[in-house]
Amino acid sequence: MSPNNPGKPKHSENPADHPMPGPDSVMDMESPEGQFVSTPTSFQSMGPNGWYPADPTMAAGPSEILVATNDDIYIYDRAGALLANFDINTFLGNTDKIFDPKAVYDPWAGRFFVCWVAIDEQATLALSDSYWILMFSDNSTATGSWSWYNLDAQVNGGAANSEWVDYPYIGYDNQAICLTGRMFGWFGSGSDYGKLRFLRKSELFAGGGVSWWDFWGMGGGNPERNIPAAQMQSWPGEAYTLATRSGLTDSLMLSRFTNTIFSGGGPVMTRTAVPVNTFSTAPGGDQPGGVNDLENVSPRLLNLVYQFGNLYSSHTTGLNNAGDILSALRVYKITNAAVPVVSWQNDIWASDLDYMYPNVGVAINTDDVGVSFGRSGDAENPSFRTVGRQAADASWSGSQTAKAGEGTYSRLFSGRNRWGDYFGSHYDPFDGKSMWFYGM
């Protein structure tokens, strides 16, 4: 593959030409000794910009905060002042449908990365196209130069497939990037499986051709379809993915990968089923006045973070509260990936409320954990909330409102009322103990 634009274009739009429409919010929470949250920094960010769901994601660098939705990227300083923003199609000079962004700040490379998926659906398979777009900044700021690659999803390894990619994730380690996605058959062919792609950072940053190593179709009769790759905030010599499996509700599949830069051969994968408390598909989120339930992407794991021997992830699960089936958060801490032990697995819930779209962040200097999520109920409009747990704590703090819901939400698409589909969390590289959250 060749870079989409080896000239590495500079962004020079004037932020004043692009007013912020709302209603998304960004919040920074600090974790000093003795409490999880002090007075947070919180500011209004961009809204869906015509896309429903908005799919908000974020990454925090040493001096700048990057947030993205299905259509746009906005960049702020740490106080919430808008520094730059751009429409993704315009910036890339691309007319295809571009969606599902996932953003990270890679501390090993000192760069921002944003992964998207793109499709161009035409009348025939031969004319259609599907690919990941992998963007990365040239340094630790998001307002400077960016480079990007279009990475063909219609090949598994080097062999052509008949699928398009959706629901991407991005992970990193000290030398490699891992992209994942869920592969669907074109024109309703029925294919549905998960796929991983490892890429060498050295080749990406060199700006020439890049090679990759793919894994696909994992799980056999119990396929793994949505597979988050770990953000490796420390490096034990191997990278990880973690996934739920179709038809199995009492374990997670942990995959370990060595040689992620496939030097002298491919990455070596070792797989272990991790027993967990039984989970189930969660119901949609109730809303006041009987408005259409919010779709809940359950029990899909929505991100994965590794730090100093521990893996952290979360999903939603159905919970029976005296006959009332609610949607609860399930948050995991898994220790010792070689012989994995579930250190804790906690369900976070409240009566008459439904929880959705959990995203885990881990403070890099303290091991404190924060989760951003959405919540709604018969008497509560859809809201953006956070909850945290210090490393030494035996339980979670009470959740806090980041942005209270201002009304009900109904944007039906083929009968689905999609609000999220996910929120964002990211540790703060500036001080190592704070976390940033982004949601609706």
Protein backbone atom coordinates (compact mmCIF):
# COMPACT_ATOMS: atom_id res chain seq x y z
CA MET A 1 0.00 0.00 0.00
CA SER A 2 1.02 3.59 -0.50
CA PRO A 3 0.11 6.58 1.63
CA ASN A 4 -3.11 8.28 0.62
CA ASN A 5 -1.23 11.57 0.64
CA PRO A 6 2.54 11.33 1.07
CA GLY A 7 2.72 15.13 1.08
CA LYS A 8 1.43 15.14 4.68
CA PRO A 9 -0.99 18.08 4.33
CA LYS A 10 -1.11 20.78 6.97
CA HIS A 11 -4.42 21.80 8.49
CA SER A 12 -4.96 25.54 8.16
CA GLU A 13 -8.70 26.12 8.55
CA ASN A 14 -9.77 28.97 10.81
CA PRO A 15 -11.64 27.59 13.85
CA ALA A 16 -13.73 30.79 13.94
CA ASP A 17 -15.37 29.69 10.69
CA HIS A 18 -16.78 26.58 12.36
CA PRO A 19 -19.04 27.27 15.37
CA MET A 20 -19.57 24.38 17.81
CA PRO A 21 -23.13 23.02 17.49
CA GLY A 22 -23.24 20.92 20.72
CA PRO A 23 -24.50 18.88 22.56
CA ASP A 24 -21.54 16.61 23.28
CA SER A 25 -19.43 17.32 26.36
CA VAL A 26 -15.82 16.76 27.41
CA MET A 27 -14.79 16.34 31.06
CA ASP A 28 -11.41 16.04 32.78
CA MET A 29 -11.36 14.39 36.20
CA GLU A 30 -8.36 14.43 38.53
CA SER A 31 -7.68 11.70 41.07
CA PRO A 32 -5.80 13.17 44.06
CA GLU A 33 -4.97 11.25 47.21
CA GLY A 34 -8.06 10.12 49.09
CA GLN A 35 -10.75 10.74 46.50
CA PHE A 36 -11.47 9.82 42.92
CA VAL A 37 -12.72 13.15 41.57
CA SER A 38 -11.83 16.73 42.40
CA THR A 39 -13.42 19.72 40.68
CA PRO A 40 -13.43 18.68 37.02
CA THR A 41 -12.71 20.64 33.87
CA SER A 42 -15.78 20.35 31.65
CA PHE A 43 -16.73 22.01 28.38
CA GLN A 44 -19.23 21.74 25.57
CA SER A 45 -17.98 20.18 22.36
CA MET A 46 -19.40 19.52 18.91
CA GLY A 47 -22.64 17.64 18.33
CA PRO A 48 -23.59 14.86 15.90
CA ASN A 49 -23.31 17.15 12.83
CA GLY A 50 -26.02 15.26 11.00
CA TRP A 51 -24.88 11.72 11.89
CA TYR A 52 -26.95 9.46 14.11
CA PRO A 53 -25.51 7.82 16.07
CA ALA A 54 -22.67 10.27 16.56
CA ASP A 55 -20.09 7.67 17.73
CA PRO A 56 -18.06 10.09 19.89
CA THR A 57 -14.41 9.18 20.56
CA MET A 58 -11.48 11.06 22.03
CA ALA A 59 -7.75 11.11 22.78
CA ALA A 60 -5.72 13.32 25.10
CA GLY A 61 -2.18 14.47 24.33
CA PRO A 62 0.23 16.42 26.51
CA SER A 63 -1.20 19.80 25.46
CA GLU A 64 -4.26 19.13 23.28
CA ILE A 65 -7.53 17.18 23.39
CA LEU A 66 -8.84 15.59 20.17
CA VAL A 67 -12.48 14.56 19.83
CA ALA A 68 -14.15 13.02 16.80
CA THR A 69 -17.59 11.98 15.64
CA ASN A 70 -18.67 10.27 12.43
CA ASP A 71 -18.10 13.44 10.43
CA ASP A 72 -15.64 15.75 12.15
CA ILE A 73 -12.54 16.21 14.25
CA TYR A 74 -12.30 19.04 16.79
CA ILE A 75 -9.10 19.92 18.66
CA TYR A 76 -9.02 21.85 21.95
CA ASP A 77 -6.46 23.07 24.41
CA ARG A 78 -6.66 21.75 27.95
CA ALA A 79 -8.94 24.60 29.05
CA GLY A 80 -11.48 23.87 26.31
CA ALA A 81 -10.54 26.58 23.81
CA LEU A 82 -11.15 25.41 20.24
CA LEU A 83 -7.87 25.32 18.29
CA ALA A 84 -8.92 23.66 15.02
CA ASN A 85 -11.66 21.58 13.45
CA PHE A 86 -12.36 19.97 10.10
CA ASP A 87 -14.81 17.80 8.22
CA ILE A 88 -13.12 14.46 7.60
CA ASN A 89 -14.19 14.05 3.96
CA THR A 90 -13.02 17.56 3.12
CA PHE A 91 -9.72 17.16 4.93
CA LEU A 92 -8.95 13.85 3.22
CA GLY A 93 -10.34 14.90 -0.16
CA ASN A 94 -12.50 11.76 -0.08
CA THR A 95 -16.14 11.38 -1.19
CA ASP A 96 -16.70 7.84 0.20
CA LYS A 97 -18.81 7.19 3.30
CA ILE A 98 -16.39 7.57 6.25
CA PHE A 99 -17.60 6.63 9.74
CA ASP A 100 -16.93 4.98 13.14
CA PRO A 101 -13.83 6.90 14.29
CA LYS A 102 -11.63 5.57 17.09
CA ALA A 103 -8.95 7.87 18.52
CA VAL A 104 -5.94 7.22 20.78
CA TYR A 105 -2.79 9.00 21.86
CA ASP A 106 0.14 6.61 21.59
CA PRO A 107 2.67 7.41 24.33
CA TRP A 108 5.34 5.18 22.76
CA ALA A 109 5.34 7.15 19.50
CA GLY A 110 4.23 10.48 20.96
CA ARG A 111 1.51 10.80 18.29
CA PHE A 112 -2.24 10.90 17.90
CA PHE A 113 -3.89 8.14 15.86
CA VAL A 114 -7.44 8.13 14.48
CA CYS A 115 -8.86 5.07 12.74
CA TRP A 116 -11.99 5.21 10.55
CA VAL A 117 -13.71 2.79 8.22
CA ALA A 118 -14.89 3.78 4.75
CA ILE A 119 -17.07 2.18 2.11
CA ASP A 120 -18.05 2.90 -1.46
CA GLU A 121 -20.98 0.60 -2.21
CA GLN A 122 -21.63 0.20 -5.92
CA ALA A 123 -23.84 -2.11 -7.97
CA THR A 124 -21.32 -4.97 -7.99
CA LEU A 125 -18.65 -6.35 -5.71
CA ALA A 126 -15.98 -5.60 -8.29
CA LEU A 127 -16.85 -1.88 -8.20
CA SER A 128 -17.35 -1.62 -4.42
CA ASP A 129 -14.63 -0.70 -1.94
CA SER A 130 -14.08 -1.04 1.83
CA TYR A 131 -11.04 0.03 3.81
CA TRP A 132 -9.68 1.32 7.09
CA ILE A 133 -8.34 4.88 7.12
CA LEU A 134 -5.45 5.17 9.57
CA MET A 135 -4.46 8.78 10.35
CA PHE A 136 -1.59 9.86 12.58
CA SER A 137 -0.07 13.16 13.63
CA ASP A 138 3.57 13.91 12.92
CA ASN A 139 4.26 14.78 16.57
CA SER A 140 2.55 15.08 19.96
CA THR A 141 0.23 17.88 18.81
CA ALA A 142 -2.95 17.38 16.81
CA THR A 143 -2.90 20.83 15.19
CA GLY A 144 0.16 20.19 13.03
CA SER A 145 0.71 17.84 10.09
CA TRP A 146 -1.12 14.54 9.60
CA SER A 147 -0.46 11.54 7.39
CA TRP A 148 -2.83 8.74 6.51
CA TYR A 149 -3.13 5.41 4.76
CA ASN A 150 -6.12 3.74 3.13
CA LEU A 151 -5.80 0.06 4.06
CA ASP A 152 -7.73 -2.42 1.95
CA ALA A 153 -10.21 -4.46 4.03
CA GLN A 154 -11.25 -6.60 1.06
CA VAL A 155 -8.25 -8.86 1.45
CA ASN A 156 -7.50 -11.36 4.22
CA GLY A 157 -3.73 -11.45 4.20
CA GLY A 158 -3.23 -11.22 0.45
CA ALA A 159 -6.36 -13.12 -0.70
CA ALA A 160 -9.50 -11.28 -1.81
CA ASN A 161 -12.64 -11.56 0.31
CA SER A 162 -16.26 -10.54 -0.33
CA GLU A 163 -16.81 -8.45 2.79
CA TRP A 164 -16.76 -4.88 4.05
CA VAL A 165 -15.45 -3.71 7.43
CA ASP A 166 -17.46 -2.08 10.22
CA TYR A 167 -17.09 -1.45 14.00
CA PRO A 168 -13.34 -0.79 14.08
CA TYR A 169 -11.00 -0.71 17.06
CA ILE A 170 -7.41 0.48 17.33
CA GLY A 171 -4.72 -0.79 19.71
CA TYR A 172 -1.02 -0.06 19.99
CA ASP A 173 2.16 -1.38 21.56
CA ASN A 174 5.72 -0.10 21.54
CA GLN A 175 6.31 -1.04 17.87
CA ALA A 176 3.00 -1.96 16.22
CA ILE A 177 -0.54 -0.79 15.59
CA CYS A 178 -3.40 -3.29 15.64
CA LEU A 179 -6.60 -2.52 13.74
CA THR A 180 -9.65 -4.72 14.14
CA GLY A 181 -13.09 -4.77 12.56
CA ARG A 182 -16.23 -6.77 12.01
CA MET A 183 -16.58 -8.10 8.48
CA PHE A 184 -20.00 -8.23 6.81
CA GLY A 185 -20.82 -9.73 3.44
CA TRP A 186 -21.61 -7.32 0.63
CA PHE A 187 -25.23 -7.28 -0.55
CA GLY A 188 -26.51 -9.40 2.35
CA SER A 189 -24.31 -12.43 1.64
CA GLY A 190 -24.44 -13.50 5.31
CA SER A 191 -20.74 -13.35 6.21
CA ASP A 192 -20.10 -12.04 9.74
CA TYR A 193 -16.72 -12.46 11.45
CA GLY A 194 -13.97 -10.56 13.25
CA LYS A 195 -10.60 -9.58 11.81
CA LEU A 196 -7.28 -8.22 13.12
CA ARG A 197 -4.50 -6.45 11.23
CA PHE A 198 -1.02 -5.73 12.62
CA LEU A 199 1.07 -2.93 11.09
CA ARG A 200 4.64 -1.82 11.81
CA LYS A 201 4.92 1.75 13.06
CA SER A 202 8.34 2.10 11.47
CA GLU A 203 6.84 1.60 8.01
CA LEU A 204 3.91 3.92 8.69
CA PHE A 205 6.17 6.73 9.85
CA ALA A 206 8.60 6.25 6.96
CA GLY A 207 5.82 7.27 4.55
CA GLY A 208 6.36 4.57 1.93
CA GLY A 209 4.69 1.23 1.38
CA VAL A 210 3.41 -0.74 4.36
CA SER A 211 2.98 -4.45 4.96
CA TRP A 212 0.56 -6.14 7.37
CA TRP A 213 -0.33 -9.42 9.01
CA ASP A 214 -4.00 -10.45 9.28
CA PHE A 215 -5.94 -12.83 11.52
CA TRP A 216 -9.59 -13.51 10.75
CA GLY A 217 -12.50 -15.85 11.46
CA MET A 218 -11.46 -16.58 15.05
CA GLY A 219 -13.74 -18.51 17.36
CA GLY A 220 -15.05 -21.19 15.00
CA GLY A 221 -18.64 -22.06 15.92
CA ASN A 222 -18.62 -19.34 18.60
CA PRO A 223 -17.21 -16.47 16.55
CA GLU A 224 -15.58 -13.36 17.97
CA ARG A 225 -17.01 -10.53 15.92
CA ASN A 226 -16.22 -7.32 17.82
CA ILE A 227 -12.65 -7.55 19.08
CA PRO A 228 -11.03 -4.61 20.90
CA ALA A 229 -7.24 -4.50 20.66
CA ALA A 230 -5.43 -3.33 23.79
CA GLN A 231 -4.00 0.10 24.28
CA MET A 232 -0.69 -1.09 25.74
CA GLN A 233 0.21 1.61 28.27
CA SER A 234 3.10 -0.58 29.43
CA TRP A 235 4.89 -3.33 27.50
CA PRO A 236 5.25 -6.90 28.82
CA GLY A 237 6.53 -8.31 25.51
CA GLU A 238 3.13 -9.27 24.09
CA ALA A 239 -0.06 -7.54 22.94
CA TYR A 240 -3.66 -8.52 23.66
CA THR A 241 -7.21 -8.66 22.39
CA LEU A 242 -10.29 -9.60 24.39
CA ALA A 243 -13.74 -10.51 23.09
CA THR A 244 -17.10 -11.95 23.88
CA ARG A 245 -18.09 -14.93 21.74
CA SER A 246 -21.40 -15.64 20.08
CA GLY A 247 -23.41 -18.19 22.05
CA LEU A 248 -21.13 -18.17 25.13
CA THR A 249 -22.10 -16.07 28.14
CA ASP A 250 -19.77 -17.28 30.90
CA SER A 251 -16.31 -16.55 29.49
CA LEU A 252 -14.24 -14.06 27.49
CA MET A 253 -11.60 -15.01 24.94
CA LEU A 254 -8.18 -13.54 25.62
CA SER A 255 -5.66 -13.65 22.77
CA ARG A 256 -1.95 -12.93 23.33
CA PHE A 257 0.38 -11.94 20.48
CA THR A 258 4.15 -11.92 20.39
CA ASN A 259 6.25 -10.69 17.46
CA THR A 260 3.62 -8.09 16.54
CA ILE A 261 6.00 -6.59 13.95
CA PHE A 262 6.16 -10.06 12.29
CA SER A 263 9.95 -10.11 12.09
CA GLY A 264 11.14 -13.35 10.49
CA GLY A 265 7.63 -14.80 10.61
CA GLY A 266 4.11 -13.94 11.68
CA PRO A 267 2.86 -12.90 15.08
CA VAL A 268 2.38 -15.86 17.41
CA MET A 269 -1.12 -16.08 18.88
CA THR A 270 -1.99 -17.89 22.14
CA ARG A 271 -5.62 -18.07 23.22
CA THR A 272 -7.21 -18.61 26.65
CA ALA A 273 -10.87 -18.66 27.65
CA VAL A 274 -11.33 -16.58 30.82
CA PRO A 275 -14.26 -17.71 33.00
CA VAL A 276 -16.43 -14.82 34.19
CA ASN A 277 -19.79 -14.38 35.86
CA THR A 278 -22.64 -15.13 33.47
CA PHE A 279 -23.78 -12.16 31.40
CA SER A 280 -26.65 -11.63 28.98
CA THR A 281 -27.78 -9.26 26.27
CA ALA A 282 -28.96 -6.08 27.95
CA PRO A 283 -32.25 -4.40 27.10
CA GLY A 284 -32.41 -1.01 25.43
CA GLY A 285 -32.47 2.15 27.49
CA ASP A 286 -35.89 3.26 28.72
CA GLN A 287 -36.86 6.91 28.29
CA PRO A 288 -39.50 9.16 29.87
CA GLY A 289 -42.93 9.15 28.30
CA GLY A 290 -42.53 5.78 26.64
CA VAL A 291 -40.27 7.17 23.90
CA ASN A 292 -38.48 4.51 21.82
CA ASP A 293 -35.84 2.61 23.79
CA LEU A 294 -32.21 3.51 23.08
CA GLU A 295 -30.38 0.71 21.29
CA ASN A 296 -27.79 -0.96 23.53
CA VAL A 297 -24.74 -2.56 21.86
CA SER A 298 -24.69 -5.43 24.35
CA PRO A 299 -22.69 -7.44 25.33
CA ARG A 300 -19.98 -6.06 23.04
CA LEU A 301 -16.71 -5.08 24.78
CA LEU A 302 -16.14 -1.45 23.86
CA ASN A 303 -12.42 -0.97 24.57
CA LEU A 304 -9.42 -2.64 26.22
CA VAL A 305 -6.56 -1.11 28.23
CA TYR A 306 -3.43 -2.88 29.51
CA GLN A 307 -1.21 -1.47 32.22
CA PHE A 308 1.40 -3.07 34.52
CA GLY A 309 0.12 -6.63 34.42
CA ASN A 310 -3.61 -5.85 34.28
CA LEU A 311 -6.24 -5.73 31.54
CA TYR A 312 -9.34 -3.54 31.90
CA SER A 313 -12.52 -3.73 29.82
CA SER A 314 -16.30 -3.42 30.07
CA HIS A 315 -19.63 -4.18 28.47
CA THR A 316 -23.31 -4.02 29.40
CA THR A 317 -25.34 -6.97 30.64
CA GLY A 318 -28.92 -7.68 31.53
CA LEU A 319 -29.62 -7.64 35.26
CA ASN A 320 -32.77 -8.96 36.97
CA ASN A 321 -33.86 -6.57 39.71
CA ALA A 322 -36.92 -8.21 41.31
CA GLY A 323 -38.33 -9.10 37.93
CA ASP A 324 -37.35 -5.84 36.23
CA ILE A 325 -34.66 -6.53 33.62
CA LEU A 326 -32.23 -3.60 33.59
CA SER A 327 -29.08 -2.81 31.66
CA ALA A 328 -26.03 -2.73 33.96
CA LEU A 329 -22.35 -1.99 33.38
CA ARG A 330 -19.94 -4.91 33.82
CA VAL A 331 -16.33 -3.80 34.37
CA TYR A 332 -13.40 -6.25 34.48
CA LYS A 333 -9.86 -6.25 35.81
CA ILE A 334 -7.93 -9.32 34.61
CA THR A 335 -4.46 -10.04 35.99
CA ASN A 336 -1.60 -12.21 34.64
CA ALA A 337 -2.54 -12.77 31.01
CA ALA A 338 -0.42 -15.94 30.78
CA VAL A 339 -2.63 -17.63 33.40
CA PRO A 340 -5.45 -15.09 33.63
CA VAL A 341 -7.20 -14.38 36.91
CA VAL A 342 -10.22 -12.08 37.17
CA SER A 343 -9.21 -9.72 39.98
CA TRP A 344 -12.65 -8.15 40.00
CA GLN A 345 -15.76 -8.08 37.85
CA ASN A 346 -18.27 -5.53 39.05
CA ASP A 347 -21.81 -4.81 37.93
CA ILE A 348 -22.74 -1.12 38.25
CA TRP A 349 -26.47 -0.39 38.19
CA ALA A 350 -29.38 1.37 39.87
CA SER A 351 -33.07 0.61 40.12
CA ASP A 352 -35.26 1.81 37.23
CA LEU A 353 -32.23 2.94 35.20
CA ASP A 354 -30.38 1.54 32.17
CA TYR A 355 -26.63 1.95 31.60
CA MET A 356 -25.02 1.98 28.13
CA TYR A 357 -21.78 2.43 26.13
CA PRO A 358 -19.13 2.00 28.87
CA ASN A 359 -15.58 3.03 27.99
CA VAL A 360 -12.69 2.43 30.42
CA GLY A 361 -9.73 4.69 31.08
CA VAL A 362 -6.74 3.93 33.36
CA ALA A 363 -4.55 6.69 34.82
CA ILE A 364 -1.00 5.87 33.77
CA ASN A 365 0.72 6.88 37.04
CA THR A 366 -1.82 5.65 39.57
CA ASP A 367 -3.77 2.67 38.11
CA ASP A 368 -7.00 4.49 39.02
CA VAL A 369 -9.87 3.44 36.74
CA GLY A 370 -12.57 5.68 35.28
CA VAL A 371 -15.54 4.75 33.10
CA SER A 372 -17.64 7.01 30.88
CA PHE A 373 -21.15 5.82 30.04
CA GLY A 374 -24.68 6.80 29.11
CA ARG A 375 -27.71 6.35 31.35
CA SER A 376 -31.46 6.73 30.95
CA GLY A 377 -34.71 5.60 32.56
CA ASP A 378 -38.44 6.12 32.75
CA ALA A 379 -37.81 9.28 34.77
CA GLU A 380 -34.34 10.26 33.46
CA ASN A 381 -33.49 11.66 30.03
CA PRO A 382 -30.42 10.15 28.33
CA SER A 383 -27.39 11.55 30.16
CA PHE A 384 -23.59 11.37 30.12
CA ARG A 385 -22.04 10.11 33.36
CA THR A 386 -18.75 8.87 34.81
CA VAL A 387 -17.76 6.54 37.63
CA GLY A 388 -14.36 5.74 39.12
CA ARG A 389 -12.35 3.50 41.38
CA GLN A 390 -8.93 4.19 42.86
CA ALA A 391 -6.38 1.40 42.62
CA ALA A 392 -6.49 0.66 46.37
CA ASP A 393 -10.27 0.88 46.70
CA ALA A 394 -12.47 -2.15 47.32
CA SER A 395 -15.46 -0.59 45.56
CA TRP A 396 -16.52 2.11 43.10
CA SER A 397 -17.33 5.70 43.91
CA GLY A 398 -20.86 6.89 43.19
CA SER A 399 -21.31 7.92 39.57
CA GLN A 400 -21.37 11.60 38.66
CA THR A 401 -23.29 13.55 36.05
CA ALA A 402 -21.06 14.97 33.34
CA LYS A 403 -23.95 16.25 31.22
CA ALA A 404 -27.58 15.90 32.27
CA GLY A 405 -30.03 14.95 29.55
CA GLU A 406 -32.08 17.86 28.24
CA GLY A 407 -34.81 15.76 26.61
CA THR A 408 -35.68 12.40 25.13
CA TYR A 409 -34.01 11.08 21.98
CA SER A 410 -35.62 9.42 18.95
CA ARG A 411 -33.77 9.00 15.65
CA LEU A 412 -35.13 5.80 14.14
CA PHE A 413 -33.19 4.03 11.41
CA SER A 414 -34.71 0.74 10.24
CA GLY A 415 -36.56 0.63 13.55
CA ARG A 416 -33.36 1.18 15.60
CA ASN A 417 -32.97 4.17 17.93
CA ARG A 418 -29.19 4.48 18.01
CA TRP A 419 -27.81 7.06 20.43
CA GLY A 420 -24.14 6.13 21.15
CA ASP A 421 -22.86 3.77 19.84
CA TYR A 422 -19.93 4.41 22.19
CA PHE A 423 -18.32 7.09 24.37
CA GLY A 424 -14.68 8.00 24.97
CA SER A 425 -12.16 7.81 27.86
CA HIS A 426 -8.43 8.55 27.86
CA TYR A 427 -5.74 9.02 30.48
CA ASP A 428 -4.04 12.42 30.65
CA PRO A 429 -0.37 12.29 29.52
CA PHE A 430 0.25 15.71 31.05
CA ASP A 431 0.06 14.65 34.69
CA GLY A 432 -0.45 10.86 34.50
CA LYS A 433 -3.21 10.82 37.12
CA SER A 434 -6.14 12.57 35.45
CA MET A 435 -8.59 11.16 32.90
CA TRP A 436 -10.63 12.74 30.14
CA PHE A 437 -14.10 11.58 29.13
CA TYR A 438 -16.27 12.38 26.11
CA GLY A 439 -19.94 11.57 25.60
CA MET A 440 -23.41 12.82 24.81
